[in-house]
């Protein structure tokens, strides 16, 4: 009886340019906790609290969140040994995303940078995704002059957005139409989530006398929640829908080519291959 050798080809495990270690995970959890509190404080504080003081504290929250975001990036770099190739890829993708953002500024939510964040987070992992999302939003703010107290919220929300793509299942095995469908579905839902989260950052500062959908510091949580939902429907639903549709369309049409390019660049960069030097022979 003869034995035949059979060869099975297993999908190659994707390299991760930034791997989250204990320190970076701790910093990420801290900044996320502060960010969640900064976004949701109208639903957490009692009606008797002096919520109007938050407007005066916004610059301090801005500075504190930026420091924490820098700490996340620094911790990730120090633990993963982020090399020059990964830094170069981060710079290229961040610059591309920052350049894409102004293309649809003010036009019904046409924001093509979102699909690039989804695909980059998918290929390069959650650590790189969070770093890329926050750095891209910061770079685009410098490019468009959008620096203000809202910037750390945008950086954090975009970091979550790209990191979530890196946490999707099947990073090493799922390919083809199934992967594209999953990324398109995630991009659609995350585009709405991003818009909703960013609404929380600005909604509390509307004057309660200006509209019946504005935040009322004296109303109970259920009433303010109803006001917030009405505010989202009235002000940003169309914009968020445009962002979600554009993300889906670009993911389904350009996604295969962009995913191949990112994976090819990742393989050639060999992020996880240690660099060794051999002594020259004479």
C-alpha atoms as a PDB file:
ATOM      1  CA  UNK A   1       0.000   0.000   0.000  1.00  0.00           C
ATOM      2  CA  UNK A   2       1.509   3.257  -1.125  1.00  0.00           C
ATOM      3  CA  UNK A   3       1.327   6.447   0.806  1.00  0.00           C
ATOM      4  CA  UNK A   4       0.649   9.659  -1.027  1.00  0.00           C
ATOM      5  CA  UNK A   5       1.855  12.931   0.267  1.00  0.00           C
ATOM      6  CA  UNK A   6      -0.851  15.503   0.443  1.00  0.00           C
ATOM      7  CA  UNK A   7      -0.239  19.187   0.788  1.00  0.00           C
ATOM      8  CA  UNK A   8      -2.712  21.509   2.344  1.00  0.00           C
ATOM      9  CA  UNK A   9      -2.520  25.215   1.891  1.00  0.00           C
ATOM     10  CA  UNK A  10      -3.588  27.209   4.893  1.00  0.00           C
ATOM     11  CA  UNK A  11      -4.241  30.941   4.758  1.00  0.00           C
ATOM     12  CA  UNK A  12      -1.270  32.907   5.975  1.00  0.00           C
ATOM     13  CA  UNK A  13      -1.791  34.709   9.247  1.00  0.00           C
ATOM     14  CA  UNK A  14      -2.008  38.446   8.751  1.00  0.00           C
ATOM     15  CA  UNK A  15       0.788  40.488  10.237  1.00  0.00           C
ATOM     16  CA  UNK A  16      -0.051  43.210  12.727  1.00  0.00           C
ATOM     17  CA  UNK A  17       1.911  46.452  12.442  1.00  0.00           C
ATOM     18  CA  UNK A  18       0.813  47.529  15.933  1.00  0.00           C
ATOM     19  CA  UNK A  19       0.111  44.888  18.558  1.00  0.00           C
ATOM     20  CA  UNK A  20      -1.634  46.099  21.693  1.00  0.00           C
ATOM     21  CA  UNK A  21       0.240  45.071  24.827  1.00  0.00           C
ATOM     22  CA  UNK A  22      -0.631  45.554  28.506  1.00  0.00           C
ATOM     23  CA  UNK A  23       0.378  49.220  28.691  1.00  0.00           C
ATOM     24  CA  UNK A  24      -1.308  50.230  25.452  1.00  0.00           C
ATOM     25  CA  UNK A  25      -4.459  48.293  26.365  1.00  0.00           C
ATOM     26  CA  UNK A  26      -4.561  50.071  29.719  1.00  0.00           C
ATOM     27  CA  UNK A  27      -4.126  53.467  28.075  1.00  0.00           C
ATOM     28  CA  UNK A  28      -6.764  52.615  25.473  1.00  0.00           C
ATOM     29  CA  UNK A  29      -9.233  51.521  28.155  1.00  0.00           C
ATOM     30  CA  UNK A  30      -8.573  54.736  30.097  1.00  0.00           C
ATOM     31  CA  UNK A  31      -9.059  57.065  27.153  1.00  0.00           C
ATOM     32  CA  UNK A  32     -12.151  55.129  26.062  1.00  0.00           C
ATOM     33  CA  UNK A  33     -13.661  55.408  29.545  1.00  0.00           C
ATOM     34  CA  UNK A  34     -13.012  59.163  29.630  1.00  0.00           C
ATOM     35  CA  UNK A  35     -14.387  59.450  26.107  1.00  0.00           C
ATOM     36  CA  UNK A  36     -17.576  57.545  26.960  1.00  0.00           C
ATOM     37  CA  UNK A  37     -18.081  59.806  29.964  1.00  0.00           C
ATOM     38  CA  UNK A  38     -17.465  62.859  27.786  1.00  0.00           C
ATOM     39  CA  UNK A  39     -20.013  61.691  25.221  1.00  0.00           C
ATOM     40  CA  UNK A  40     -22.746  60.457  27.566  1.00  0.00           C
ATOM     41  CA  UNK A  41     -22.555  62.841  30.531  1.00  0.00           C
ATOM     42  CA  UNK A  42     -26.023  64.355  29.804  1.00  0.00           C
ATOM     43  CA  UNK A  43     -27.559  60.933  30.513  1.00  0.00           C
ATOM     44  CA  UNK A  44     -25.382  60.233  33.552  1.00  0.00           C
ATOM     45  CA  UNK A  45     -25.552  63.461  35.557  1.00  0.00           C
ATOM     46  CA  UNK A  46     -28.641  64.186  37.681  1.00  0.00           C
ATOM     47  CA  UNK A  47     -30.927  67.050  36.630  1.00  0.00           C
ATOM     48  CA  UNK A  48     -29.875  69.094  39.668  1.00  0.00           C
ATOM     49  CA  UNK A  49     -26.195  69.237  38.619  1.00  0.00           C
ATOM     50  CA  UNK A  50     -24.630  72.360  37.125  1.00  0.00           C
ATOM     51  CA  UNK A  51     -24.305  70.976  33.585  1.00  0.00           C
ATOM     52  CA  UNK A  52     -23.765  74.367  32.038  1.00  0.00           C
ATOM     53  CA  UNK A  53     -20.279  74.348  33.574  1.00  0.00           C
ATOM     54  CA  UNK A  54     -19.284  71.655  31.089  1.00  0.00           C
ATOM     55  CA  UNK A  55     -19.072  74.237  28.314  1.00  0.00           C
ATOM     56  CA  UNK A  56     -16.377  76.067  30.255  1.00  0.00           C
ATOM     57  CA  UNK A  57     -14.535  72.810  30.901  1.00  0.00           C
ATOM     58  CA  UNK A  58     -14.538  71.728  27.236  1.00  0.00           C
ATOM     59  CA  UNK A  59     -11.012  73.088  26.506  1.00  0.00           C
ATOM     60  CA  UNK A  60      -9.651  71.148  29.490  1.00  0.00           C
ATOM     61  CA  UNK A  61     -11.383  67.986  28.314  1.00  0.00           C
ATOM     62  CA  UNK A  62      -9.945  68.629  24.857  1.00  0.00           C
ATOM     63  CA  UNK A  63      -6.408  68.876  26.226  1.00  0.00           C
ATOM     64  CA  UNK A  64      -6.845  65.856  28.512  1.00  0.00           C
ATOM     65  CA  UNK A  65      -8.174  63.599  25.776  1.00  0.00           C
ATOM     66  CA  UNK A  66      -5.381  64.605  23.417  1.00  0.00           C
ATOM     67  CA  UNK A  67      -2.801  63.696  26.056  1.00  0.00           C
ATOM     68  CA  UNK A  68      -4.460  60.312  26.580  1.00  0.00           C
ATOM     69  CA  UNK A  69      -4.638  59.667  22.834  1.00  0.00           C
ATOM     70  CA  UNK A  70      -0.938  60.455  22.512  1.00  0.00           C
ATOM     71  CA  UNK A  71      -0.274  58.069  25.405  1.00  0.00           C
ATOM     72  CA  UNK A  72      -2.115  55.274  23.571  1.00  0.00           C
ATOM     73  CA  UNK A  73      -0.064  55.800  20.434  1.00  0.00           C
ATOM     74  CA  UNK A  74       3.205  56.074  22.386  1.00  0.00           C
ATOM     75  CA  UNK A  75       2.457  52.929  24.401  1.00  0.00           C
ATOM     76  CA  UNK A  76       1.558  50.989  21.264  1.00  0.00           C
ATOM     77  CA  UNK A  77       4.759  52.107  19.542  1.00  0.00           C
ATOM     78  CA  UNK A  78       6.978  51.320  22.525  1.00  0.00           C
ATOM     79  CA  UNK A  79       5.509  47.842  23.049  1.00  0.00           C
ATOM     80  CA  UNK A  80       5.259  46.713  19.446  1.00  0.00           C
ATOM     81  CA  UNK A  81       8.583  48.112  18.312  1.00  0.00           C
ATOM     82  CA  UNK A  82       6.890  50.000  15.499  1.00  0.00           C
ATOM     83  CA  UNK A  83       9.511  50.092  12.784  1.00  0.00           C
ATOM     84  CA  UNK A  84      10.128  52.589  10.002  1.00  0.00           C
ATOM     85  CA  UNK A  85       8.080  50.551   7.505  1.00  0.00           C
ATOM     86  CA  UNK A  86       5.015  50.620   9.713  1.00  0.00           C
ATOM     87  CA  UNK A  87       5.504  54.329  10.407  1.00  0.00           C
ATOM     88  CA  UNK A  88       5.748  54.940   6.671  1.00  0.00           C
ATOM     89  CA  UNK A  89       2.538  52.994   6.018  1.00  0.00           C
ATOM     90  CA  UNK A  90       0.790  54.853   8.830  1.00  0.00           C
ATOM     91  CA  UNK A  91       1.907  58.159   7.334  1.00  0.00           C
ATOM     92  CA  UNK A  92       0.781  57.253   3.809  1.00  0.00           C
ATOM     93  CA  UNK A  93      -2.651  55.992   4.905  1.00  0.00           C
ATOM     94  CA  UNK A  94      -3.207  58.914   7.285  1.00  0.00           C
ATOM     95  CA  UNK A  95      -2.257  61.412   4.580  1.00  0.00           C
ATOM     96  CA  UNK A  96      -4.542  59.667   2.088  1.00  0.00           C
ATOM     97  CA  UNK A  97      -7.441  59.657   4.524  1.00  0.00           C
ATOM     98  CA  UNK A  98      -6.865  63.307   5.428  1.00  0.00           C
ATOM     99  CA  UNK A  99      -6.852  64.219   1.729  1.00  0.00           C
ATOM    100  CA  UNK A 100     -10.051  62.250   1.077  1.00  0.00           C
ATOM    101  CA  UNK A 101     -12.029  63.873   3.866  1.00  0.00           C
ATOM    102  CA  UNK A 102     -12.412  67.391   2.356  1.00  0.00           C
ATOM    103  CA  UNK A 103     -13.620  65.955  -0.985  1.00  0.00           C
ATOM    104  CA  UNK A 104     -17.209  65.663   0.176  1.00  0.00           C
ATOM    105  CA  UNK A 105     -17.174  68.358   2.855  1.00  0.00           C
ATOM    106  CA  UNK A 106     -20.626  69.905   3.067  1.00  0.00           C
ATOM    107  CA  UNK A 107     -22.122  67.554   0.457  1.00  0.00           C
ATOM    108  CA  UNK A 108     -24.739  65.211   1.920  1.00  0.00           C
ATOM    109  CA  UNK A 109     -22.332  63.069   3.908  1.00  0.00           C
ATOM    110  CA  UNK A 110     -20.070  62.111   0.998  1.00  0.00           C
ATOM    111  CA  UNK A 111     -17.010  61.181   3.053  1.00  0.00           C
ATOM    112  CA  UNK A 112     -14.849  58.611   1.224  1.00  0.00           C
ATOM    113  CA  UNK A 113     -12.258  58.427   3.994  1.00  0.00           C
ATOM    114  CA  UNK A 114     -14.514  56.113   6.023  1.00  0.00           C
ATOM    115  CA  UNK A 115     -14.198  53.143   3.687  1.00  0.00           C
ATOM    116  CA  UNK A 116     -10.381  53.463   3.768  1.00  0.00           C
ATOM    117  CA  UNK A 117     -10.437  53.370   7.578  1.00  0.00           C
ATOM    118  CA  UNK A 118     -12.578  50.197   7.497  1.00  0.00           C
ATOM    119  CA  UNK A 119     -10.325  48.353   5.061  1.00  0.00           C
ATOM    120  CA  UNK A 120      -7.099  49.484   6.752  1.00  0.00           C
ATOM    121  CA  UNK A 121      -8.327  48.413  10.171  1.00  0.00           C
ATOM    122  CA  UNK A 122      -9.408  45.063   8.737  1.00  0.00           C
ATOM    123  CA  UNK A 123      -6.025  44.291   7.177  1.00  0.00           C
ATOM    124  CA  UNK A 124      -3.653  45.838   9.702  1.00  0.00           C
ATOM    125  CA  UNK A 125      -5.485  45.019  12.927  1.00  0.00           C
ATOM    126  CA  UNK A 126      -7.228  46.884  15.753  1.00  0.00           C
ATOM    127  CA  UNK A 127      -4.086  48.483  17.175  1.00  0.00           C
ATOM    128  CA  UNK A 128      -3.047  49.987  13.872  1.00  0.00           C
ATOM    129  CA  UNK A 129      -6.693  50.843  13.144  1.00  0.00           C
ATOM    130  CA  UNK A 130      -7.110  52.895  16.314  1.00  0.00           C
ATOM    131  CA  UNK A 131      -3.797  54.672  15.736  1.00  0.00           C
ATOM    132  CA  UNK A 132      -4.621  55.346  12.092  1.00  0.00           C
ATOM    133  CA  UNK A 133      -8.131  56.604  12.822  1.00  0.00           C
ATOM    134  CA  UNK A 134      -7.035  59.108  15.458  1.00  0.00           C
ATOM    135  CA  UNK A 135      -3.969  60.301  13.519  1.00  0.00           C
ATOM    136  CA  UNK A 136      -5.972  60.680  10.285  1.00  0.00           C
ATOM    137  CA  UNK A 137      -8.639  62.783  11.977  1.00  0.00           C
ATOM    138  CA  UNK A 138      -5.977  64.968  13.593  1.00  0.00           C
ATOM    139  CA  UNK A 139      -4.175  65.440  10.268  1.00  0.00           C
ATOM    140  CA  UNK A 140      -7.404  66.274   8.454  1.00  0.00           C
ATOM    141  CA  UNK A 141      -8.277  68.847  11.145  1.00  0.00           C
ATOM    142  CA  UNK A 142      -4.931  70.564  10.560  1.00  0.00           C
ATOM    143  CA  UNK A 143      -5.535  70.423   6.812  1.00  0.00           C
ATOM    144  CA  UNK A 144      -9.035  71.898   6.949  1.00  0.00           C
ATOM    145  CA  UNK A 145      -8.616  74.196   9.949  1.00  0.00           C
ATOM    146  CA  UNK A 146     -11.037  72.134  12.003  1.00  0.00           C
ATOM    147  CA  UNK A 147      -9.106  72.267  15.277  1.00  0.00           C
ATOM    148  CA  UNK A 148     -11.319  72.860  18.290  1.00  0.00           C
ATOM    149  CA  UNK A 149     -12.812  71.273  21.408  1.00  0.00           C
ATOM    150  CA  UNK A 150     -14.622  68.766  19.178  1.00  0.00           C
ATOM    151  CA  UNK A 151     -11.378  67.372  17.726  1.00  0.00           C
ATOM    152  CA  UNK A 152     -10.558  64.839  20.497  1.00  0.00           C
ATOM    153  CA  UNK A 153     -14.089  63.455  20.213  1.00  0.00           C
ATOM    154  CA  UNK A 154     -13.606  63.039  16.448  1.00  0.00           C
ATOM    155  CA  UNK A 155     -10.212  61.413  16.960  1.00  0.00           C
ATOM    156  CA  UNK A 156     -11.574  59.004  19.537  1.00  0.00           C
ATOM    157  CA  UNK A 157     -14.687  58.143  17.534  1.00  0.00           C
ATOM    158  CA  UNK A 158     -12.682  57.531  14.359  1.00  0.00           C
ATOM    159  CA  UNK A 159     -10.185  55.450  16.326  1.00  0.00           C
ATOM    160  CA  UNK A 160     -13.036  53.274  17.600  1.00  0.00           C
ATOM    161  CA  UNK A 161     -14.472  53.091  14.087  1.00  0.00           C
ATOM    162  CA  UNK A 162     -11.227  51.777  12.527  1.00  0.00           C
ATOM    163  CA  UNK A 163     -10.369  49.578  15.517  1.00  0.00           C
ATOM    164  CA  UNK A 164     -13.760  47.864  15.282  1.00  0.00           C
ATOM    165  CA  UNK A 165     -12.984  46.815  11.720  1.00  0.00           C
ATOM    166  CA  UNK A 166      -9.828  45.125  12.989  1.00  0.00           C
ATOM    167  CA  UNK A 167     -11.861  43.168  15.553  1.00  0.00           C
ATOM    168  CA  UNK A 168     -14.206  41.641  12.978  1.00  0.00           C
ATOM    169  CA  UNK A 169     -14.073  37.812  12.771  1.00  0.00           C
ATOM    170  CA  UNK A 170     -12.045  35.781  10.298  1.00  0.00           C
ATOM    171  CA  UNK A 171      -9.108  38.094   9.604  1.00  0.00           C
ATOM    172  CA  UNK A 172      -6.937  35.212   8.361  1.00  0.00           C
ATOM    173  CA  UNK A 173      -9.477  33.000   6.570  1.00  0.00           C
ATOM    174  CA  UNK A 174     -12.507  34.991   5.441  1.00  0.00           C
ATOM    175  CA  UNK A 175     -12.035  36.286   1.908  1.00  0.00           C
ATOM    176  CA  UNK A 176     -14.004  37.169  -1.205  1.00  0.00           C
ATOM    177  CA  UNK A 177     -17.630  38.238  -1.318  1.00  0.00           C
ATOM    178  CA  UNK A 178     -18.358  37.155   2.239  1.00  0.00           C
ATOM    179  CA  UNK A 179     -15.642  39.423   3.583  1.00  0.00           C
ATOM    180  CA  UNK A 180     -16.771  42.352   1.433  1.00  0.00           C
ATOM    181  CA  UNK A 181     -20.368  41.889   2.571  1.00  0.00           C
ATOM    182  CA  UNK A 182     -19.254  41.855   6.207  1.00  0.00           C
ATOM    183  CA  UNK A 183     -17.105  44.986   5.772  1.00  0.00           C
ATOM    184  CA  UNK A 184     -19.875  46.795   3.911  1.00  0.00           C
ATOM    185  CA  UNK A 185     -22.385  45.927   6.633  1.00  0.00           C
ATOM    186  CA  UNK A 186     -19.994  47.050   9.339  1.00  0.00           C
ATOM    187  CA  UNK A 187     -19.232  50.281   7.492  1.00  0.00           C
ATOM    188  CA  UNK A 188     -22.943  51.012   7.089  1.00  0.00           C
ATOM    189  CA  UNK A 189     -23.711  50.553  10.794  1.00  0.00           C
ATOM    190  CA  UNK A 190     -20.522  52.220  12.002  1.00  0.00           C
ATOM    191  CA  UNK A 191     -21.181  55.289   9.836  1.00  0.00           C
ATOM    192  CA  UNK A 192     -24.477  55.804  11.663  1.00  0.00           C
ATOM    193  CA  UNK A 193     -22.814  55.074  15.006  1.00  0.00           C
ATOM    194  CA  UNK A 194     -20.102  57.654  14.313  1.00  0.00           C
ATOM    195  CA  UNK A 195     -22.689  60.310  13.474  1.00  0.00           C
ATOM    196  CA  UNK A 196     -24.736  59.497  16.566  1.00  0.00           C
ATOM    197  CA  UNK A 197     -21.713  59.627  18.848  1.00  0.00           C
ATOM    198  CA  UNK A 198     -20.598  62.952  17.406  1.00  0.00           C
ATOM    199  CA  UNK A 199     -24.117  64.334  17.891  1.00  0.00           C
ATOM    200  CA  UNK A 200     -23.705  63.638  21.596  1.00  0.00           C
ATOM    201  CA  UNK A 201     -20.643  65.886  21.642  1.00  0.00           C
ATOM    202  CA  UNK A 202     -22.508  68.958  20.391  1.00  0.00           C
ATOM    203  CA  UNK A 203     -26.140  68.430  21.306  1.00  0.00           C
ATOM    204  CA  UNK A 204     -25.851  69.395  25.037  1.00  0.00           C
ATOM    205  CA  UNK A 205     -24.644  72.903  24.143  1.00  0.00           C
ATOM    206  CA  UNK A 206     -27.810  73.897  22.276  1.00  0.00           C
ATOM    207  CA  UNK A 207     -30.011  76.342  24.094  1.00  0.00           C
ATOM    208  CA  UNK A 208     -33.034  74.576  25.550  1.00  0.00           C
ATOM    209  CA  UNK A 209     -35.122  77.626  24.654  1.00  0.00           C
ATOM    210  CA  UNK A 210     -34.138  77.452  20.979  1.00  0.00           C
ATOM    211  CA  UNK A 211     -35.774  74.137  20.166  1.00  0.00           C
ATOM    212  CA  UNK A 212     -37.853  71.379  21.706  1.00  0.00           C
ATOM    213  CA  UNK A 213     -35.160  68.848  20.667  1.00  0.00           C
ATOM    214  CA  UNK A 214     -32.378  70.596  22.601  1.00  0.00           C
ATOM    215  CA  UNK A 215     -30.888  69.253  25.797  1.00  0.00           C
ATOM    216  CA  UNK A 216     -32.805  70.299  28.892  1.00  0.00           C
ATOM    217  CA  UNK A 217     -30.655  70.045  32.058  1.00  0.00           C
ATOM    218  CA  UNK A 218     -33.793  69.984  34.222  1.00  0.00           C
ATOM    219  CA  UNK A 219     -35.566  67.169  32.341  1.00  0.00           C
ATOM    220  CA  UNK A 220     -35.331  63.494  33.345  1.00  0.00           C
ATOM    221  CA  UNK A 221     -33.132  61.073  31.411  1.00  0.00           C
ATOM    222  CA  UNK A 222     -36.027  59.531  29.438  1.00  0.00           C
ATOM    223  CA  UNK A 223     -37.190  62.942  28.225  1.00  0.00           C
ATOM    224  CA  UNK A 224     -33.682  63.969  27.177  1.00  0.00           C
ATOM    225  CA  UNK A 225     -33.195  60.648  25.403  1.00  0.00           C
ATOM    226  CA  UNK A 226     -36.365  61.287  23.390  1.00  0.00           C
ATOM    227  CA  UNK A 227     -35.127  64.785  22.606  1.00  0.00           C
ATOM    228  CA  UNK A 228     -31.776  63.413  21.470  1.00  0.00           C
ATOM    229  CA  UNK A 229     -33.377  60.861  19.129  1.00  0.00           C
ATOM    230  CA  UNK A 230     -35.552  63.610  17.643  1.00  0.00           C
ATOM    231  CA  UNK A 231     -32.463  65.810  17.291  1.00  0.00           C
ATOM    232  CA  UNK A 232     -30.581  63.080  15.374  1.00  0.00           C
ATOM    233  CA  UNK A 233     -33.522  62.443  13.049  1.00  0.00           C
ATOM    234  CA  UNK A 234     -34.049  66.135  12.382  1.00  0.00           C
ATOM    235  CA  UNK A 235     -30.446  67.231  11.912  1.00  0.00           C
ATOM    236  CA  UNK A 236     -28.130  64.402  10.891  1.00  0.00           C
ATOM    237  CA  UNK A 237     -30.078  61.389   9.636  1.00  0.00           C
ATOM    238  CA  UNK A 238     -29.708  62.391   5.989  1.00  0.00           C
ATOM    239  CA  UNK A 239     -26.005  63.125   6.395  1.00  0.00           C
ATOM    240  CA  UNK A 240     -25.351  59.846   8.191  1.00  0.00           C
ATOM    241  CA  UNK A 241     -27.286  57.943   5.533  1.00  0.00           C
ATOM    242  CA  UNK A 242     -25.173  59.531   2.815  1.00  0.00           C
ATOM    243  CA  UNK A 243     -21.980  58.601   4.663  1.00  0.00           C
ATOM    244  CA  UNK A 244     -23.191  55.030   5.156  1.00  0.00           C
ATOM    245  CA  UNK A 245     -24.231  54.568   1.506  1.00  0.00           C
ATOM    246  CA  UNK A 246     -20.953  56.005   0.195  1.00  0.00           C
ATOM    247  CA  UNK A 247     -19.001  53.705   2.509  1.00  0.00           C
ATOM    248  CA  UNK A 248     -20.933  50.653   1.289  1.00  0.00           C
ATOM    249  CA  UNK A 249     -20.598  51.564  -2.400  1.00  0.00           C
ATOM    250  CA  UNK A 250     -16.864  52.238  -2.178  1.00  0.00           C
ATOM    251  CA  UNK A 251     -16.279  49.095  -0.122  1.00  0.00           C
ATOM    252  CA  UNK A 252     -18.067  46.892  -2.663  1.00  0.00           C
ATOM    253  CA  UNK A 253     -16.524  48.521  -5.740  1.00  0.00           C
ATOM    254  CA  UNK A 254     -13.000  49.485  -4.687  1.00  0.00           C
ATOM    255  CA  UNK A 255     -12.698  47.126  -1.735  1.00  0.00           C
ATOM    256  CA  UNK A 256     -11.201  44.103  -3.551  1.00  0.00           C
ATOM    257  CA  UNK A 257      -8.402  46.162  -5.124  1.00  0.00           C
ATOM    258  CA  UNK A 258      -7.651  48.112  -1.933  1.00  0.00           C
ATOM    259  CA  UNK A 259      -7.632  44.957   0.207  1.00  0.00           C
ATOM    260  CA  UNK A 260      -5.223  43.244  -2.196  1.00  0.00           C
ATOM    261  CA  UNK A 261      -2.944  46.284  -2.214  1.00  0.00           C
ATOM    262  CA  UNK A 262      -2.938  46.560   1.574  1.00  0.00           C
ATOM    263  CA  UNK A 263      -2.277  42.856   2.071  1.00  0.00           C
ATOM    264  CA  UNK A 264       0.481  42.863  -0.535  1.00  0.00           C
ATOM    265  CA  UNK A 265       2.119  45.860   1.127  1.00  0.00           C
ATOM    266  CA  UNK A 266       1.775  44.181   4.530  1.00  0.00           C
ATOM    267  CA  UNK A 267       3.451  40.978   3.304  1.00  0.00           C
ATOM    268  CA  UNK A 268       6.301  42.880   1.703  1.00  0.00           C
ATOM    269  CA  UNK A 269       6.782  45.053   4.763  1.00  0.00           C
ATOM    270  CA  UNK A 270       7.084  41.924   6.971  1.00  0.00           C
ATOM    271  CA  UNK A 271       6.259  43.888  10.125  1.00  0.00           C
ATOM    272  CA  UNK A 272       6.709  40.916  12.447  1.00  0.00           C
ATOM    273  CA  UNK A 273       9.969  39.670  10.937  1.00  0.00           C
ATOM    274  CA  UNK A 274      12.883  40.622  13.185  1.00  0.00           C
ATOM    275  CA  UNK A 275      15.678  42.547  11.550  1.00  0.00           C
ATOM    276  CA  UNK A 276      19.059  40.843  11.864  1.00  0.00           C
ATOM    277  CA  UNK A 277      22.497  41.908  10.769  1.00  0.00           C
ATOM    278  CA  UNK A 278      25.164  39.492   9.642  1.00  0.00           C
ATOM    279  CA  UNK A 279      28.837  40.203   9.822  1.00  0.00           C
ATOM    280  CA  UNK A 280      30.389  40.647   6.407  1.00  0.00           C
ATOM    281  CA  UNK A 281      32.831  38.007   5.272  1.00  0.00           C
ATOM    282  CA  UNK A 282      36.099  39.067   3.754  1.00  0.00           C
END
